[in-house]
C-alpha atoms as a PDB file:
ATOM      1  CA  MET A   1       0.000   0.000   0.000  1.00  0.00           C
ATOM      2  CA  PHE A   2       2.824   2.374   0.882  1.00  0.00           C
ATOM      3  CA  PHE A   3       4.508   1.854  -2.469  1.00  0.00           C
ATOM      4  CA  LEU A   4       1.193   2.390  -4.230  1.00  0.00           C
ATOM      5  CA  VAL A   5       0.791   5.802  -2.584  1.00  0.00           C
ATOM      6  CA  LEU A   6       4.445   6.588  -3.253  1.00  0.00           C
ATOM      7  CA  ILE A   7       4.091   5.836  -6.958  1.00  0.00           C
ATOM      8  CA  PHE A   8       0.837   7.772  -7.124  1.00  0.00           C
ATOM      9  CA  PHE A   9       2.416  10.785  -5.445  1.00  0.00           C
ATOM     10  CA  THR A  10       5.407  10.595  -7.764  1.00  0.00           C
ATOM     11  CA  GLN A  11       3.149  10.538 -10.807  1.00  0.00           C
ATOM     12  CA  LEU A  12       1.127  13.423  -9.413  1.00  0.00           C
ATOM     13  CA  THR A  13       4.171  15.628  -8.804  1.00  0.00           C
ATOM     14  CA  SER A  14       5.556  14.639 -12.201  1.00  0.00           C
ATOM     15  CA  SER A  15       2.311  15.672 -13.845  1.00  0.00           C
ATOM     16  CA  ILE A  16       2.329  19.022 -12.037  1.00  0.00           C
ATOM     17  CA  SER A  17       5.975  19.568 -12.907  1.00  0.00           C
ATOM     18  CA  SER A  18       5.247  19.011 -16.591  1.00  0.00           C
END
Protein backbone atom coordinates (compact mmCIF):
# COMPACT_ATOMS: atom_id res chain seq x y z
CA MET A 1 0.00 0.00 0.00
CA PHE A 2 2.82 2.37 0.88
CA PHE A 3 4.51 1.85 -2.47
CA LEU A 4 1.19 2.39 -4.23
CA VAL A 5 0.79 5.80 -2.58
CA LEU A 6 4.44 6.59 -3.25
CA ILE A 7 4.09 5.84 -6.96
CA PHE A 8 0.84 7.77 -7.12
CA PHE A 9 2.42 10.79 -5.45
CA THR A 10 5.41 10.60 -7.76
CA GLN A 11 3.15 10.54 -10.81
CA LEU A 12 1.13 13.42 -9.41
CA THR A 13 4.17 15.63 -8.80
CA SER A 14 5.56 14.64 -12.20
CA SER A 15 2.31 15.67 -13.84
CA ILE A 16 2.33 19.02 -12.04
CA SER A 17 5.98 19.57 -12.91
CA SER A 18 5.25 19.01 -16.59
